[in-house]
Amino acid sequence: MPTFPRRKKTGGAPRAPRFSRLKRFGRRAEDKGGPRGRGIYLLPNAFTTGALFCGFYAIVMAMNHRWEHACWAVFIAMVLDGLDGRIARLTNTQSEFGAQYDSLSDMVSFGAAPALVLYEWSLKGMGKLGWIAAFVYCAGAALRLARFNTNIEVVDKRFFQGLPSPAAAALVVGFIMMMTDPDINISARQVDWVSWGLAVFAGLTMVSNVPFYSFKDVNFRKSVPFIVVFLIALAFALVAIDPPKVLWPIFVVYGLSGYVVFAIQRAKGKRVSIIPTDDPSDETERR
């Protein structure tokens, strides 16, 4: 009976299946710098999208002359804008896409929306002077955001260079909320020049070099005296009593605080600068 030679057994591990070879090839391509699929993080960008929607909603409500809804939409956008960056840091989901998307959302929510709401409410009847003031505010917000992105690595994180765009938006829409409050109910025509000056002031202050405290060095994990917690609760209670009459004065004080600090430092003969001199490695964080 004829015999056939058997296949020799090779030592070592058995042969890998075909698909495992393809996986190894993909890993080698990645190790050599091959193309990789890129995605975006859902959670922080969802908050940014919510802020963008609030800015768009404020514009739509201003076109329908529903001022209260438009103003509250901007304030909600401020809350969402303050959360997206912190959530990204807590969940370690920071990305360059998120930083750029946040700036574009800020431009709509705190640049275009407040300018259009103020224009529709008060500046529209002033003709060219009205839309020029609205454009000064809108352009100031765009320039301020562009400068923030380019100077993020060198500016002292304890201060903002110029009035931050969310505070400028609150300064504008807070004024509208207070003037349209039923207890005050002042006509827009009576305060059109005040609105004009407020828009120009906010727009120019955003592109100024005046330092505004950023509150980024506040350590929320550090223990504080009991009186601090009581003062925070008291502040929330005061805001809840009458938000239109309480919120706007707070942002007015903050909008003037930078100029007060600037004047005091100049009076003492000190150079006012937000560029860190003691710790060059101190970098600003994304809001």
Protein backbone atom coordinates (compact mmCIF):
# COMPACT_ATOMS: atom_id res chain seq x y z
CA MET A 1 0.00 0.00 0.00
CA PRO A 2 1.57 3.31 -1.00
CA THR A 3 2.41 5.69 1.73
CA PHE A 4 2.41 9.47 1.48
CA PRO A 5 4.86 11.62 3.34
CA ARG A 6 3.29 13.52 6.17
CA ARG A 7 3.62 17.32 6.48
CA LYS A 8 6.29 18.19 8.89
CA LYS A 9 5.16 19.82 12.12
CA THR A 10 6.81 23.12 12.76
CA GLY A 11 7.54 24.17 16.24
CA GLY A 12 6.27 27.36 17.94
CA ALA A 13 2.87 29.01 17.90
CA PRO A 14 0.21 27.99 15.37
CA ARG A 15 -0.39 30.05 12.29
CA ALA A 16 -2.48 33.13 12.85
CA PRO A 17 -5.76 33.48 10.97
CA ARG A 18 -6.03 35.75 7.99
CA PHE A 19 -7.89 38.54 9.79
CA SER A 20 -5.33 38.74 12.55
CA ARG A 21 -2.69 39.47 9.90
CA LEU A 22 -4.81 42.41 8.69
CA LYS A 23 -5.08 43.69 12.26
CA ARG A 24 -1.31 43.50 12.64
CA PHE A 25 -0.92 45.39 9.38
CA GLY A 26 -3.27 48.10 10.66
CA ARG A 27 -1.29 48.40 13.86
CA ARG A 28 1.97 48.70 11.94
CA ALA A 29 0.44 51.44 9.79
CA GLU A 30 -0.59 53.35 12.91
CA ASP A 31 2.87 52.91 14.44
CA LYS A 32 4.40 54.36 11.28
CA GLY A 33 2.17 57.41 11.44
CA GLY A 34 -0.55 56.17 9.12
CA PRO A 35 -3.92 57.88 8.91
CA ARG A 36 -6.24 57.44 11.88
CA GLY A 37 -9.93 58.22 12.20
CA ARG A 38 -10.71 61.34 14.22
CA GLY A 39 -13.80 61.89 16.31
CA ILE A 40 -15.15 64.54 18.64
CA TYR A 41 -16.11 64.29 22.28
CA LEU A 42 -19.86 64.32 22.79
CA LEU A 43 -20.38 65.65 26.33
CA PRO A 44 -18.54 69.01 26.30
CA ASN A 45 -19.53 69.78 22.71
CA ALA A 46 -23.18 69.09 23.58
CA PHE A 47 -23.02 71.94 26.11
CA THR A 48 -21.36 74.16 23.50
CA THR A 49 -24.11 73.31 21.02
CA GLY A 50 -26.69 74.21 23.67
CA ALA A 51 -25.05 77.62 24.12
CA LEU A 52 -25.03 78.11 20.35
CA PHE A 53 -28.73 77.26 20.19
CA CYS A 54 -29.49 79.78 22.95
CA GLY A 55 -27.74 82.52 20.95
CA PHE A 56 -29.70 81.62 17.83
CA TYR A 57 -32.92 81.49 19.85
CA ALA A 58 -32.22 84.96 21.27
CA ILE A 59 -31.94 86.37 17.73
CA VAL A 60 -35.22 84.75 16.70
CA MET A 61 -37.00 86.06 19.80
CA ALA A 62 -35.65 89.57 19.18
CA MET A 63 -37.10 89.47 15.67
CA ASN A 64 -40.47 88.62 17.24
CA HIS A 65 -40.05 91.40 19.87
CA ARG A 66 -40.11 88.95 22.77
CA TRP A 67 -37.39 90.68 24.75
CA GLU A 68 -37.60 88.69 27.97
CA HIS A 69 -37.15 85.37 26.17
CA ALA A 70 -34.23 86.77 24.16
CA CYS A 71 -32.43 88.09 27.24
CA TRP A 72 -32.89 84.92 29.28
CA ALA A 73 -31.58 82.87 26.35
CA VAL A 74 -28.31 84.82 26.48
CA PHE A 75 -28.03 84.27 30.23
CA ILE A 76 -28.61 80.53 29.81
CA ALA A 77 -25.90 80.53 27.12
CA MET A 78 -23.56 82.05 29.72
CA VAL A 79 -24.23 79.16 32.10
CA LEU A 80 -23.68 76.54 29.39
CA ASP A 81 -20.52 78.29 28.20
CA GLY A 82 -19.13 78.20 31.72
CA LEU A 83 -19.82 74.48 32.02
CA ASP A 84 -18.45 73.08 28.76
CA GLY A 85 -14.80 73.85 29.47
CA ARG A 86 -14.95 72.63 33.06
CA ILE A 87 -16.65 69.41 32.04
CA ALA A 88 -14.01 68.87 29.36
CA ARG A 89 -11.26 69.23 31.97
CA LEU A 90 -13.01 67.02 34.52
CA THR A 91 -13.60 64.24 31.99
CA ASN A 92 -10.23 64.74 30.24
CA THR A 93 -11.95 65.38 26.89
CA GLN A 94 -10.20 68.61 25.85
CA SER A 95 -9.55 68.98 22.14
CA GLU A 96 -8.58 71.64 19.64
CA PHE A 97 -11.92 71.11 17.92
CA GLY A 98 -13.75 71.91 21.17
CA ALA A 99 -11.72 75.08 21.68
CA GLN A 100 -12.48 76.37 18.19
CA TYR A 101 -16.13 75.34 18.37
CA ASP A 102 -16.46 77.16 21.70
CA SER A 103 -15.14 80.38 20.17
CA LEU A 104 -17.57 80.18 17.25
CA SER A 105 -20.44 79.55 19.66
CA ASP A 106 -19.35 82.52 21.80
CA MET A 107 -19.35 84.75 18.72
CA VAL A 108 -22.99 83.93 18.06
CA SER A 109 -24.22 83.90 21.67
CA PHE A 110 -22.23 86.85 23.05
CA GLY A 111 -21.37 88.79 19.90
CA ALA A 112 -24.09 88.73 17.27
CA ALA A 113 -27.07 87.94 19.51
CA PRO A 114 -26.71 90.79 22.06
CA ALA A 115 -25.92 93.28 19.29
CA LEU A 116 -29.04 92.32 17.31
CA VAL A 117 -31.27 92.21 20.39
CA LEU A 118 -30.17 95.69 21.44
CA TYR A 119 -30.52 96.99 17.89
CA GLU A 120 -34.06 95.65 17.52
CA TRP A 121 -35.08 96.96 20.94
CA SER A 122 -33.59 100.45 21.02
CA LEU A 123 -31.03 101.30 18.34
CA LYS A 124 -33.19 100.65 15.31
CA GLY A 125 -34.85 104.06 15.52
CA MET A 126 -31.51 105.91 15.49
CA GLY A 127 -30.75 105.15 11.87
CA LYS A 128 -27.10 104.78 10.91
CA LEU A 129 -25.87 105.67 14.40
CA GLY A 130 -27.85 102.73 15.76
CA TRP A 131 -26.42 100.01 13.55
CA ILE A 132 -22.92 101.51 13.82
CA ALA A 133 -23.07 101.11 17.62
CA ALA A 134 -24.35 97.54 17.22
CA PHE A 135 -21.52 96.79 14.78
CA VAL A 136 -18.92 98.25 17.17
CA TYR A 137 -20.11 95.83 19.82
CA CYS A 138 -20.19 92.86 17.41
CA ALA A 139 -16.73 93.64 16.01
CA GLY A 140 -15.35 94.10 19.53
CA ALA A 141 -16.59 90.64 20.49
CA ALA A 142 -15.01 89.07 17.39
CA LEU A 143 -11.65 90.80 17.97
CA ARG A 144 -11.69 89.94 21.65
CA LEU A 145 -12.28 86.23 20.97
CA ALA A 146 -9.57 86.16 18.28
CA ARG A 147 -7.08 87.81 20.63
CA PHE A 148 -8.00 85.42 23.42
CA ASN A 149 -7.22 82.43 21.19
CA THR A 150 -3.84 83.82 20.12
CA ASN A 151 -2.74 85.01 23.58
CA ILE A 152 -3.99 82.04 25.58
CA GLU A 153 -0.47 80.77 26.26
CA VAL A 154 1.03 84.05 27.54
CA VAL A 155 -1.70 85.92 29.42
CA ASP A 156 -1.87 85.62 33.21
CA LYS A 157 -4.77 83.30 33.97
CA ARG A 158 -5.85 85.40 36.96
CA PHE A 159 -7.05 88.20 34.65
CA PHE A 160 -8.83 88.64 31.36
CA GLN A 161 -7.33 91.00 28.79
CA GLY A 162 -10.29 93.27 28.27
CA LEU A 163 -13.90 92.66 29.27
CA PRO A 164 -14.85 89.01 28.58
CA SER A 165 -17.56 88.59 25.97
CA PRO A 166 -20.08 86.84 28.29
CA ALA A 167 -19.86 89.74 30.77
CA ALA A 168 -20.26 92.25 27.93
CA ALA A 169 -23.34 90.37 26.72
CA ALA A 170 -24.78 90.36 30.24
CA LEU A 171 -24.14 94.10 30.47
CA VAL A 172 -26.22 94.67 27.33
CA VAL A 173 -29.09 92.22 27.77
CA GLY A 174 -29.28 92.88 31.52
CA PHE A 175 -30.00 96.52 30.73
CA ILE A 176 -32.83 95.47 28.40
CA MET A 177 -34.26 93.14 31.04
CA MET A 178 -34.32 95.87 33.65
CA MET A 179 -35.85 98.49 31.32
CA THR A 180 -38.59 96.10 30.16
CA ASP A 181 -39.43 94.99 33.71
CA PRO A 182 -43.13 95.70 34.48
CA ASP A 183 -42.17 97.72 37.58
CA ILE A 184 -39.98 100.06 35.49
CA ASN A 185 -41.32 99.71 31.92
CA ILE A 186 -39.31 102.52 30.34
CA SER A 187 -39.75 103.01 26.62
CA ALA A 188 -36.77 102.15 24.42
CA ARG A 189 -36.99 105.59 22.80
CA GLN A 190 -36.38 107.24 26.18
CA VAL A 191 -33.07 105.45 26.69
CA ASP A 192 -31.84 105.07 23.12
CA TRP A 193 -28.73 107.17 23.74
CA VAL A 194 -28.00 105.17 26.91
CA SER A 195 -28.24 102.00 24.83
CA TRP A 196 -25.94 103.54 22.22
CA GLY A 197 -23.33 104.46 24.84
CA LEU A 198 -23.61 101.04 26.50
CA ALA A 199 -23.01 99.20 23.21
CA VAL A 200 -19.98 101.34 22.35
CA PHE A 201 -18.59 101.06 25.90
CA ALA A 202 -18.92 97.27 25.93
CA GLY A 203 -17.44 96.90 22.44
CA LEU A 204 -14.40 99.08 23.14
CA THR A 205 -13.82 97.61 26.60
CA MET A 206 -13.65 94.11 25.12
CA VAL A 207 -10.68 95.10 22.94
CA SER A 208 -8.96 97.19 25.61
CA ASN A 209 -5.97 96.08 27.69
CA VAL A 210 -7.78 96.73 30.98
CA PRO A 211 -7.41 93.71 33.30
CA PHE A 212 -10.56 92.06 34.63
CA TYR A 213 -10.40 89.45 37.35
CA SER A 214 -11.15 85.99 35.92
CA PHE A 215 -11.90 84.04 39.16
CA LYS A 216 -9.90 81.13 37.69
CA ASP A 217 -7.54 80.93 40.65
CA VAL A 218 -10.40 80.25 43.06
CA ASN A 219 -9.89 76.78 44.52
CA PHE A 220 -13.29 75.14 44.99
CA ARG A 221 -11.70 72.14 46.72
CA LYS A 222 -10.26 74.28 49.50
CA SER A 223 -12.13 74.59 52.79
CA VAL A 224 -13.65 77.99 53.51
CA PRO A 225 -15.16 79.57 56.64
CA PHE A 226 -18.85 79.00 57.29
CA ILE A 227 -19.65 82.66 56.63
CA VAL A 228 -18.62 82.26 52.98
CA VAL A 229 -21.26 79.58 52.40
CA PHE A 230 -23.83 81.81 54.09
CA LEU A 231 -22.91 84.77 51.86
CA ILE A 232 -23.25 82.60 48.74
CA ALA A 233 -26.71 81.48 49.83
CA LEU A 234 -27.62 85.12 50.55
CA ALA A 235 -26.47 86.15 47.07
CA PHE A 236 -28.66 83.49 45.45
CA ALA A 237 -31.61 84.66 47.54
CA LEU A 238 -31.11 88.28 46.49
CA VAL A 239 -30.94 87.33 42.81
CA ALA A 240 -34.08 85.20 43.13
CA ILE A 241 -36.05 88.11 44.63
CA ASP A 242 -35.89 90.22 41.46
CA PRO A 243 -33.37 89.02 38.84
CA PRO A 244 -33.71 91.95 36.37
CA LYS A 245 -32.99 94.53 39.07
CA VAL A 246 -30.17 92.58 40.74
CA LEU A 247 -28.23 91.02 37.88
CA TRP A 248 -27.59 94.16 35.82
CA PRO A 249 -26.03 96.22 38.68
CA ILE A 250 -23.73 93.27 39.42
CA PHE A 251 -22.42 93.25 35.85
CA VAL A 252 -22.13 97.04 35.85
CA VAL A 253 -19.87 96.80 38.90
CA TYR A 254 -17.80 94.11 37.19
CA GLY A 255 -17.64 96.13 33.96
CA LEU A 256 -16.21 99.10 35.87
CA SER A 257 -13.96 97.08 38.19
CA GLY A 258 -11.22 96.73 35.60
CA TYR A 259 -10.98 100.48 35.13
CA VAL A 260 -10.88 101.00 38.91
CA VAL A 261 -8.00 98.53 39.29
CA PHE A 262 -6.25 100.10 36.31
CA ALA A 263 -6.58 103.61 37.79
CA ILE A 264 -5.38 102.52 41.24
CA GLN A 265 -2.32 100.77 39.84
CA ARG A 266 -1.46 103.77 37.68
CA ALA A 267 -1.91 106.14 40.65
CA LYS A 268 0.59 104.04 42.62
CA GLY A 269 3.05 104.26 39.74
CA LYS A 270 2.84 100.55 38.99
CA ARG A 271 2.74 99.14 35.50
CA VAL A 272 -0.54 97.35 34.88
CA SER A 273 0.15 94.14 32.98
CA ILE A 274 -1.55 90.78 32.74
CA ILE A 275 1.56 89.10 31.37
CA PRO A 276 2.96 86.83 34.10
CA THR A 277 6.39 87.84 35.35
CA ASP A 278 6.91 85.51 38.31
CA ASP A 279 5.90 82.16 36.81
CA PRO A 280 6.35 81.87 33.03
CA SER A 281 4.90 78.37 32.99
CA ASP A 282 1.53 79.60 34.26
CA GLU A 283 -0.92 79.26 31.39
CA THR A 284 -4.50 80.25 30.98
CA GLU A 285 -7.19 77.64 30.80
CA ARG A 286 -10.03 77.44 28.33
CA ARG A 287 -13.39 78.62 29.75
